[in-house]
Amino acid sequence: MLVVGVVTSNLAASVRHQARIAEHRERRVSALYRLSKELTEACSEKEIIEIGVRHLHVEFGGRNTLLFPDRNGRLRYPIAPPMEISLQAVDLGMAQQVFTQGQMEYGSTGIVPTVYIPLNSSTGTIGVLALESVNPRRIFLPEQRELLGAFINQISHALERASLAEQAKDATLKMQAETLRNSLLSSISHDLRTPLAAIVCAASTLETDTGQLDEDRKRKLASAISEEAQRMSDLTTKILEMARLEAGEVVLNRQWCAPEEIIGSALRRLDKKLTSRQVNVVMPDGQALVYVDAVLLQQVMVNLLDNADKYSPPGLPIDISVETTAFGLSIAVADSGLGIPENMQEKIFDKFFRIHAESAQSGVGLGLSICRAIVEAHGGEIHATKRSPGGSVFQLHLPVLEAPPTIDSEEKG
């Protein structure tokens, strides 16, 4: 019985020991899982640093911080605001040595010793972890050392992933900028060549004239120079307007305006261009005031009317319909051209996109992009549809943000 009791006691002690080991392993696995889960959801370097510092503090005790090199390779503290559990007193000289050599060092900057561990990734050492050794058993026991190594690997890989994602984003932006630049150069090189050639030809003719040109011919050449210069000015203005809208530098100057004033101002700006074309305006009387940036909305109408005039055969009319309801302002501009294929009715609002890349019609493909940017800045939407029997309809809608003001009638004396 004594032997059985001793054996049973030893077996029970062994089972309890194994149970404690299993419990510790489960706790370590759970801690590693929680860290991995949060790091997977993190998107920025700041979030990864905060998650890593917090989990290291919970699992290993003591304050800690992650140090990263600057452009010159000198270690610095993270830009993010320090947390309460962040370690501020760090021997940067020793940390720099660990970063350079890639080996763990043990030092002290105060009462509590500090351990410095390199953060290694597939591309090399990316930083250094400085961790206070409040309880050495929680750091230097073999199982804890393995867990600490797993923590550091997870944090290092997450930081590397964030860095690569940022590099990929920068590369994408550079590629888009390069594509935009090439599109811009391609468009303006084609569309500025024609007016420049006309200006140079007309100016050369006037310059070399020895009295053979009559006054009527001179006026025509001067008029050609003026018209082509205006075309160049319009192209440049559109490019600058698109750049301002894309940069978010345009602030809406909203005021209460009458829709008929906006339409009338746009038609007056295009009076010379639309002299030989009939423009039909359908607008019921008593339209409610709209709270918009009148100057920008007028530019939208100018672009739409100019576009309709450009792509409609001579002599065919342009139709404009305006309506204000409780839901907002709706304006439709319809032309009688060839129409827009259904698969291009959204693409035509993209920058530098034109249905026919090389055509007799001038423009860099920015007019409709500017229209969409202005309409969306007002919180509205714009789209194009095919008109029956032929042509296109550009429909824009601006929502009502608040009820228009009421004017009290003056009492007659």
Protein backbone atom coordinates (compact mmCIF):
# COMPACT_ATOMS: atom_id res chain seq x y z
CA MET A 1 0.00 0.00 0.00
CA LEU A 2 2.90 2.31 0.77
CA VAL A 3 4.42 1.63 -2.66
CA VAL A 4 1.02 2.14 -4.35
CA GLY A 5 0.52 5.38 -2.45
CA VAL A 6 3.95 6.69 -3.42
CA VAL A 7 3.44 5.73 -7.07
CA THR A 8 -0.05 7.25 -7.11
CA SER A 9 1.23 10.43 -5.48
CA ASN A 10 4.03 10.75 -8.02
CA LEU A 11 1.65 10.13 -10.89
CA ALA A 12 -0.80 12.71 -9.51
CA ALA A 13 2.03 15.23 -9.11
CA SER A 14 3.17 14.52 -12.67
CA VAL A 15 -0.37 14.96 -13.99
CA ARG A 16 -0.71 18.25 -12.11
CA HIS A 17 2.65 19.40 -13.49
CA GLN A 18 1.64 18.47 -17.03
CA ALA A 19 -1.68 20.23 -16.52
CA ARG A 20 0.13 23.40 -15.41
CA ILE A 21 2.45 23.16 -18.41
CA ALA A 22 -0.54 22.70 -20.73
CA GLU A 23 -2.27 25.65 -19.09
CA HIS A 24 0.79 27.87 -19.57
CA ARG A 25 1.11 26.76 -23.18
CA GLU A 26 -2.56 27.47 -23.80
CA ARG A 27 -2.18 30.91 -22.27
CA ARG A 28 0.87 31.63 -24.44
CA VAL A 29 -0.87 30.39 -27.56
CA SER A 30 -3.93 32.52 -26.74
CA ALA A 31 -1.74 35.58 -26.17
CA LEU A 32 0.03 35.01 -29.49
CA TYR A 33 -3.32 34.51 -31.25
CA ARG A 34 -4.73 37.76 -29.84
CA LEU A 35 -1.63 39.65 -30.94
CA SER A 36 -1.73 38.12 -34.44
CA LYS A 37 -5.43 38.88 -34.79
CA GLU A 38 -5.04 42.57 -33.92
CA LEU A 39 -1.92 42.95 -36.06
CA THR A 40 -3.75 41.43 -39.03
CA GLU A 41 -6.48 44.07 -38.73
CA ALA A 42 -4.01 46.96 -38.31
CA CYS A 43 -3.36 49.07 -41.40
CA SER A 44 -0.80 51.68 -40.37
CA GLU A 45 2.57 51.66 -38.64
CA LYS A 46 1.13 53.71 -35.77
CA GLU A 47 -1.55 51.10 -35.06
CA ILE A 48 0.97 48.25 -35.21
CA ILE A 49 3.29 50.02 -32.75
CA GLU A 50 0.46 50.69 -30.28
CA ILE A 51 -0.77 47.09 -30.49
CA GLY A 52 2.75 45.69 -30.06
CA VAL A 53 3.62 47.89 -27.06
CA ARG A 54 0.33 47.03 -25.33
CA HIS A 55 0.59 43.25 -25.82
CA LEU A 56 4.26 43.15 -24.80
CA HIS A 57 3.40 45.00 -21.60
CA VAL A 58 0.55 42.63 -20.75
CA GLU A 59 2.52 39.45 -21.40
CA PHE A 60 6.03 40.30 -20.19
CA GLY A 61 5.46 43.16 -17.73
CA GLY A 62 7.33 46.45 -17.66
CA ARG A 63 7.23 49.34 -20.02
CA ASN A 64 8.60 49.05 -23.53
CA THR A 65 9.04 50.97 -26.76
CA LEU A 66 9.89 50.34 -30.40
CA LEU A 67 12.71 52.40 -31.92
CA PHE A 68 13.11 52.96 -35.66
CA PRO A 69 15.86 54.57 -37.77
CA ASP A 70 15.55 57.90 -39.54
CA ARG A 71 16.86 58.70 -43.01
CA ASN A 72 20.41 58.75 -41.66
CA GLY A 73 20.09 55.38 -39.92
CA ARG A 74 19.93 56.87 -36.42
CA LEU A 75 17.32 55.37 -34.10
CA ARG A 76 14.45 57.59 -32.99
CA TYR A 77 11.27 57.28 -31.01
CA PRO A 78 8.02 56.71 -32.93
CA ILE A 79 6.22 59.84 -34.06
CA ALA A 80 2.99 58.57 -32.48
CA PRO A 81 2.11 60.03 -29.03
CA PRO A 82 3.59 57.86 -26.24
CA MET A 83 1.27 55.68 -24.20
CA GLU A 84 1.44 55.32 -20.41
CA ILE A 85 3.14 51.94 -20.81
CA SER A 86 5.73 53.31 -23.26
CA LEU A 87 9.33 53.39 -22.10
CA GLN A 88 10.84 56.87 -22.41
CA ALA A 89 14.25 56.49 -20.72
CA VAL A 90 16.26 54.50 -23.26
CA ASP A 91 19.99 54.22 -23.85
CA LEU A 92 19.98 55.19 -27.52
CA GLY A 93 23.67 54.40 -27.81
CA MET A 94 23.17 50.78 -26.80
CA ALA A 95 20.02 50.57 -28.90
CA GLN A 96 22.01 51.85 -31.89
CA GLN A 97 24.64 49.18 -31.25
CA VAL A 98 21.97 46.47 -31.17
CA PHE A 99 20.48 47.83 -34.38
CA THR A 100 23.87 47.80 -36.12
CA GLN A 101 25.04 44.39 -34.89
CA GLY A 102 21.64 42.66 -34.86
CA GLN A 103 22.24 40.99 -31.48
CA MET A 104 20.38 41.30 -28.18
CA GLU A 105 22.01 43.36 -25.40
CA TYR A 106 21.22 43.82 -21.73
CA GLY A 107 21.63 47.23 -20.11
CA SER A 108 20.11 49.69 -17.69
CA THR A 109 19.05 53.32 -17.79
CA GLY A 110 17.65 53.49 -14.30
CA ILE A 111 16.54 51.26 -11.45
CA VAL A 112 14.96 48.64 -13.72
CA PRO A 113 17.25 46.78 -16.18
CA THR A 114 16.35 46.99 -19.86
CA VAL A 115 16.79 44.42 -22.58
CA TYR A 116 17.36 45.56 -26.17
CA ILE A 117 16.23 43.15 -28.91
CA PRO A 118 16.58 43.73 -32.68
CA LEU A 119 13.48 43.59 -34.89
CA ASN A 120 14.54 41.40 -37.80
CA SER A 121 12.58 41.02 -41.03
CA SER A 122 13.22 39.50 -44.44
CA THR A 123 15.00 42.71 -45.50
CA GLY A 124 17.21 42.98 -42.40
CA THR A 125 16.95 44.78 -39.06
CA ILE A 126 14.16 47.36 -39.16
CA GLY A 127 14.20 48.54 -35.54
CA VAL A 128 14.89 47.73 -31.89
CA LEU A 129 12.63 46.74 -29.00
CA ALA A 130 13.56 48.21 -25.60
CA LEU A 131 11.81 46.22 -22.84
CA GLU A 132 12.08 46.73 -19.09
CA SER A 133 12.99 43.51 -17.27
CA VAL A 134 10.72 43.95 -14.24
CA ASN A 135 10.43 40.17 -13.76
CA PRO A 136 13.34 38.32 -15.45
CA ARG A 137 11.48 34.99 -15.24
CA ARG A 138 8.78 36.36 -17.55
CA ILE A 139 11.45 37.12 -20.14
CA PHE A 140 14.39 34.74 -19.81
CA LEU A 141 12.73 31.37 -19.11
CA PRO A 142 13.08 29.20 -22.24
CA GLU A 143 9.33 29.10 -22.91
CA GLN A 144 9.02 32.86 -22.39
CA ARG A 145 12.03 33.50 -24.61
CA GLU A 146 10.34 31.54 -27.39
CA LEU A 147 7.10 33.46 -26.84
CA LEU A 148 8.95 36.78 -26.86
CA GLY A 149 10.65 35.77 -30.09
CA ALA A 150 7.28 34.89 -31.62
CA PHE A 151 5.87 38.27 -30.51
CA ILE A 152 8.80 40.11 -32.05
CA ASN A 153 8.51 38.14 -35.31
CA GLN A 154 4.78 38.93 -35.57
CA ILE A 155 5.37 42.63 -34.92
CA SER A 156 8.32 42.76 -37.36
CA HIS A 157 6.35 41.05 -40.14
CA ALA A 158 3.36 43.35 -39.54
CA LEU A 159 5.61 46.42 -39.77
CA GLU A 160 7.21 45.07 -42.91
CA ARG A 161 3.78 44.41 -44.40
CA ALA A 162 2.67 47.98 -43.61
CA SER A 163 5.86 49.36 -45.13
CA LEU A 164 5.43 47.32 -48.31
CA ALA A 165 1.78 48.36 -48.56
CA GLU A 166 2.83 52.01 -48.26
CA GLN A 167 5.50 51.52 -50.92
CA ALA A 168 2.96 49.84 -53.20
CA LYS A 169 0.57 52.74 -52.65
CA ASP A 170 3.29 55.27 -53.47
CA ALA A 171 4.23 53.29 -56.57
CA THR A 172 0.59 53.24 -57.67
CA LEU A 173 0.25 56.99 -57.14
CA LYS A 174 3.45 57.61 -59.09
CA MET A 175 2.22 55.38 -61.90
CA GLN A 176 -1.12 57.19 -61.98
CA ALA A 177 0.64 60.55 -61.95
CA GLU A 178 2.89 59.40 -64.80
CA THR A 179 -0.13 58.16 -66.76
CA LEU A 180 -1.92 61.44 -66.10
CA ARG A 181 1.12 63.41 -67.20
CA ASN A 182 1.47 61.39 -70.39
CA SER A 183 -2.24 61.79 -71.14
CA LEU A 184 -2.00 65.52 -70.52
CA LEU A 185 1.05 65.91 -72.73
CA SER A 186 -0.52 63.78 -75.46
CA SER A 187 -3.77 65.75 -75.35
CA ILE A 188 -2.38 69.26 -75.22
CA SER A 189 0.34 68.50 -77.76
CA HIS A 190 -2.40 67.55 -80.25
CA ASP A 191 -4.99 70.16 -79.31
CA LEU A 192 -2.61 73.09 -79.00
CA ARG A 193 -0.82 72.29 -82.24
CA THR A 194 -3.77 73.30 -84.44
CA PRO A 195 -4.42 76.77 -82.95
CA LEU A 196 -0.68 77.44 -82.68
CA ALA A 197 -0.20 76.59 -86.35
CA ALA A 198 -3.06 78.89 -87.32
CA ILE A 199 -1.70 81.72 -85.16
CA VAL A 200 1.83 81.33 -86.53
CA CYS A 201 0.57 81.22 -90.12
CA ALA A 202 -1.67 84.27 -89.76
CA ALA A 203 0.95 86.26 -87.85
CA SER A 204 3.64 85.41 -90.41
CA THR A 205 1.38 86.51 -93.25
CA LEU A 206 0.74 89.85 -91.56
CA GLU A 207 4.41 90.29 -90.69
CA THR A 208 5.66 89.65 -94.21
CA ASP A 209 2.92 91.65 -95.94
CA THR A 210 4.34 94.30 -98.28
CA GLY A 211 1.06 96.06 -98.92
CA GLN A 212 -0.55 93.33 -101.03
CA LEU A 213 -3.22 92.47 -98.43
CA ASP A 214 -6.37 94.55 -98.35
CA GLU A 215 -8.02 95.67 -95.12
CA ASP A 216 -10.66 92.94 -95.23
CA ARG A 217 -7.99 90.22 -95.50
CA LYS A 218 -6.03 91.74 -92.64
CA ARG A 219 -9.12 91.81 -90.43
CA LYS A 220 -9.78 88.15 -91.18
CA LEU A 221 -6.22 87.19 -90.26
CA ALA A 222 -6.39 89.21 -87.05
CA SER A 223 -9.74 87.61 -86.24
CA ALA A 224 -8.24 84.15 -86.83
CA ILE A 225 -5.38 84.95 -84.46
CA SER A 226 -7.85 86.15 -81.83
CA GLU A 227 -10.10 83.09 -82.16
CA GLU A 228 -7.26 80.58 -82.02
CA ALA A 229 -5.67 82.36 -79.07
CA GLN A 230 -9.03 82.19 -77.30
CA ARG A 231 -9.17 78.45 -77.99
CA MET A 232 -5.75 78.03 -76.42
CA SER A 233 -6.83 80.14 -73.45
CA ASP A 234 -9.94 77.99 -72.98
CA LEU A 235 -7.89 74.79 -73.04
CA THR A 236 -5.43 76.15 -70.50
CA THR A 237 -8.24 77.38 -68.28
CA LYS A 238 -9.87 73.96 -68.24
CA ILE A 239 -6.61 72.28 -67.29
CA LEU A 240 -6.07 74.73 -64.42
CA GLU A 241 -9.67 74.41 -63.24
CA MET A 242 -9.41 70.62 -63.18
CA ALA A 243 -6.17 70.82 -61.20
CA ARG A 244 -7.80 73.12 -58.62
CA LEU A 245 -10.84 70.89 -58.29
CA GLU A 246 -8.70 67.76 -57.92
CA ALA A 247 -6.55 69.45 -55.26
CA GLY A 248 -9.65 70.40 -53.27
CA GLU A 249 -8.71 74.08 -53.31
CA VAL A 250 -12.13 75.25 -54.53
CA VAL A 251 -14.50 76.34 -51.78
CA LEU A 252 -18.14 76.67 -52.80
CA ASN A 253 -19.48 80.21 -52.49
CA ARG A 254 -23.12 79.24 -52.12
CA GLN A 255 -25.78 81.91 -52.53
CA TRP A 256 -29.48 81.92 -53.30
CA CYS A 257 -29.81 82.26 -57.08
CA ALA A 258 -32.57 82.02 -59.65
CA PRO A 259 -32.07 79.18 -62.17
CA GLU A 260 -32.97 81.44 -65.09
CA GLU A 261 -30.10 83.79 -64.19
CA ILE A 262 -27.60 80.92 -64.31
CA ILE A 263 -28.90 79.69 -67.67
CA GLY A 264 -29.02 83.22 -69.08
CA SER A 265 -25.45 84.01 -68.01
CA ALA A 266 -24.16 80.81 -69.63
CA LEU A 267 -25.97 81.60 -72.89
CA ARG A 268 -24.58 85.13 -72.92
CA ARG A 269 -21.02 83.79 -72.52
CA LEU A 270 -21.56 81.59 -75.59
CA ASP A 271 -23.50 84.19 -77.55
CA LYS A 272 -20.98 84.40 -80.40
CA LYS A 273 -20.47 80.65 -80.65
CA LEU A 274 -24.21 79.87 -80.67
CA THR A 275 -25.19 82.66 -83.09
CA SER A 276 -26.07 80.26 -85.91
CA ARG A 277 -27.74 77.64 -83.71
CA GLN A 278 -31.21 77.64 -82.15
CA VAL A 279 -31.32 77.06 -78.40
CA ASN A 280 -34.70 76.06 -76.93
CA VAL A 281 -35.14 76.64 -73.21
CA VAL A 282 -38.05 75.02 -71.39
CA MET A 283 -38.38 76.53 -67.92
CA PRO A 284 -41.72 76.95 -66.14
CA ASP A 285 -42.36 80.33 -64.55
CA GLY A 286 -41.90 80.80 -60.82
CA GLN A 287 -38.85 78.58 -60.37
CA ALA A 288 -37.70 78.39 -56.74
CA LEU A 289 -34.34 79.83 -55.73
CA VAL A 290 -31.45 77.38 -55.44
CA TYR A 291 -28.56 77.53 -52.95
CA VAL A 292 -25.53 76.99 -55.18
CA ASP A 293 -22.25 78.48 -56.29
CA ALA A 294 -23.62 80.39 -59.28
CA VAL A 295 -20.22 80.95 -60.92
CA LEU A 296 -19.28 77.25 -60.87
CA LEU A 297 -22.73 76.08 -61.92
CA GLN A 298 -22.62 78.58 -64.78
CA GLN A 299 -19.32 76.98 -65.82
CA VAL A 300 -21.05 73.59 -65.86
CA MET A 301 -23.71 74.95 -68.21
CA VAL A 302 -21.08 76.58 -70.43
CA ASN A 303 -19.19 73.28 -70.71
CA LEU A 304 -22.34 71.30 -71.48
CA LEU A 305 -23.57 73.79 -74.08
CA ASP A 306 -20.12 74.05 -75.67
CA ASN A 307 -19.96 70.26 -75.81
CA ALA A 308 -23.43 70.06 -77.37
CA ASP A 309 -22.53 72.69 -79.98
CA LYS A 310 -19.26 70.91 -80.77
CA TYR A 311 -20.79 67.52 -81.49
CA SER A 312 -24.08 68.55 -83.12
CA PRO A 313 -24.36 69.03 -86.90
CA PRO A 314 -24.74 72.68 -87.99
CA GLY A 315 -28.30 74.01 -87.95
CA LEU A 316 -29.72 71.49 -85.46
CA PRO A 317 -31.06 72.90 -82.18
CA ILE A 318 -29.94 72.43 -78.57
CA ASP A 319 -32.68 71.88 -75.99
CA ILE A 320 -32.43 72.94 -72.34
CA SER A 321 -35.00 72.01 -69.71
CA VAL A 322 -34.91 73.31 -66.13
CA GLU A 323 -37.10 72.30 -63.22
CA THR A 324 -36.99 72.92 -59.47
CA THR A 325 -38.91 70.63 -57.16
CA ALA A 326 -39.00 69.83 -53.47
CA PHE A 327 -36.17 67.36 -54.12
CA GLY A 328 -33.81 69.79 -55.87
CA LEU A 329 -32.78 71.38 -59.15
CA SER A 330 -32.77 69.33 -62.37
CA ILE A 331 -31.22 70.57 -65.61
CA ALA A 332 -31.05 68.65 -68.90
CA VAL A 333 -29.05 69.66 -71.97
CA ALA A 334 -29.93 67.68 -75.12
CA ASP A 335 -28.12 67.81 -78.45
CA SER A 336 -28.80 66.26 -81.85
CA GLY A 337 -25.44 64.64 -82.52
CA LEU A 338 -24.50 61.01 -83.04
CA GLY A 339 -25.08 60.06 -79.42
CA ILE A 340 -22.84 58.25 -76.95
CA PRO A 341 -22.54 54.44 -76.91
CA GLU A 342 -23.91 52.90 -73.73
CA ASN A 343 -20.55 51.42 -72.74
CA MET A 344 -19.02 54.92 -72.78
CA GLN A 345 -21.73 56.91 -71.02
CA GLU A 346 -19.77 56.80 -67.75
CA LYS A 347 -16.26 56.93 -69.21
CA ILE A 348 -16.85 60.26 -70.92
CA PHE A 349 -16.69 61.92 -67.49
CA ASP A 350 -13.15 60.62 -66.93
CA LYS A 351 -10.24 63.01 -67.35
CA PHE A 352 -8.76 63.19 -70.86
CA PHE A 353 -11.25 60.66 -72.24
CA ARG A 354 -12.74 61.30 -75.67
CA ILE A 355 -14.75 58.92 -77.83
CA HIS A 356 -12.58 59.76 -80.82
CA ALA A 357 -9.02 60.40 -79.70
CA GLU A 358 -8.02 62.13 -82.92
CA SER A 359 -10.74 64.29 -84.37
CA ALA A 360 -11.33 67.71 -85.79
CA GLN A 361 -12.94 68.81 -82.53
CA SER A 362 -10.59 70.61 -80.18
CA GLY A 363 -10.44 69.86 -76.49
CA VAL A 364 -8.43 67.88 -73.98
CA GLY A 365 -11.31 65.83 -72.60
CA LEU A 366 -11.67 67.85 -69.40
CA GLY A 367 -14.95 69.71 -69.88
CA LEU A 368 -17.20 66.90 -68.66
CA SER A 369 -14.75 65.97 -65.89
CA ILE A 370 -14.98 69.53 -64.59
CA CYS A 371 -18.77 69.33 -64.77
CA ARG A 372 -18.84 66.16 -62.69
CA ALA A 373 -16.39 67.55 -60.12
CA ILE A 374 -18.46 70.72 -59.65
CA VAL A 375 -21.78 68.86 -59.47
CA GLU A 376 -20.43 66.34 -56.97
CA ALA A 377 -18.98 69.18 -54.88
CA HIS A 378 -22.59 70.41 -54.59
CA GLY A 379 -23.64 66.93 -53.45
CA GLY A 380 -25.37 66.20 -56.77
CA GLU A 381 -24.92 63.82 -59.66
CA ILE A 382 -24.66 64.02 -63.44
CA HIS A 383 -25.06 61.36 -66.11
CA ALA A 384 -25.49 61.00 -69.86
CA THR A 385 -28.11 59.04 -71.79
CA LYS A 386 -28.91 58.43 -75.43
CA ARG A 387 -31.59 60.60 -76.99
CA SER A 388 -34.24 59.27 -79.32
CA PRO A 389 -34.09 59.45 -82.31
CA GLY A 390 -30.50 60.75 -82.10
CA GLY A 391 -28.19 62.71 -79.86
CA SER A 392 -27.33 62.76 -76.18
CA VAL A 393 -28.94 64.13 -73.02
CA PHE A 394 -26.82 65.33 -70.10
CA GLN A 395 -28.91 65.36 -66.95
CA LEU A 396 -27.72 66.88 -63.68
CA HIS A 397 -29.49 67.01 -60.34
CA LEU A 398 -28.59 69.11 -57.32
CA PRO A 399 -30.34 68.27 -54.02
CA VAL A 400 -32.12 70.83 -51.85
CA LEU A 401 -30.16 71.52 -48.66
CA GLU A 402 -32.61 73.94 -47.11
CA ALA A 403 -35.79 75.78 -47.96
CA PRO A 404 -35.34 79.00 -49.96
CA PRO A 405 -35.84 82.28 -48.06
CA THR A 406 -39.16 84.05 -48.18
CA ILE A 407 -39.40 87.78 -48.87
CA ASP A 408 -41.95 89.61 -46.78
CA SER A 409 -44.08 92.02 -48.77
CA GLU A 410 -43.57 95.63 -47.81
CA GLU A 411 -46.57 97.43 -46.36
CA LYS A 412 -47.77 100.20 -48.60
CA GLY A 413 -48.10 103.57 -46.87
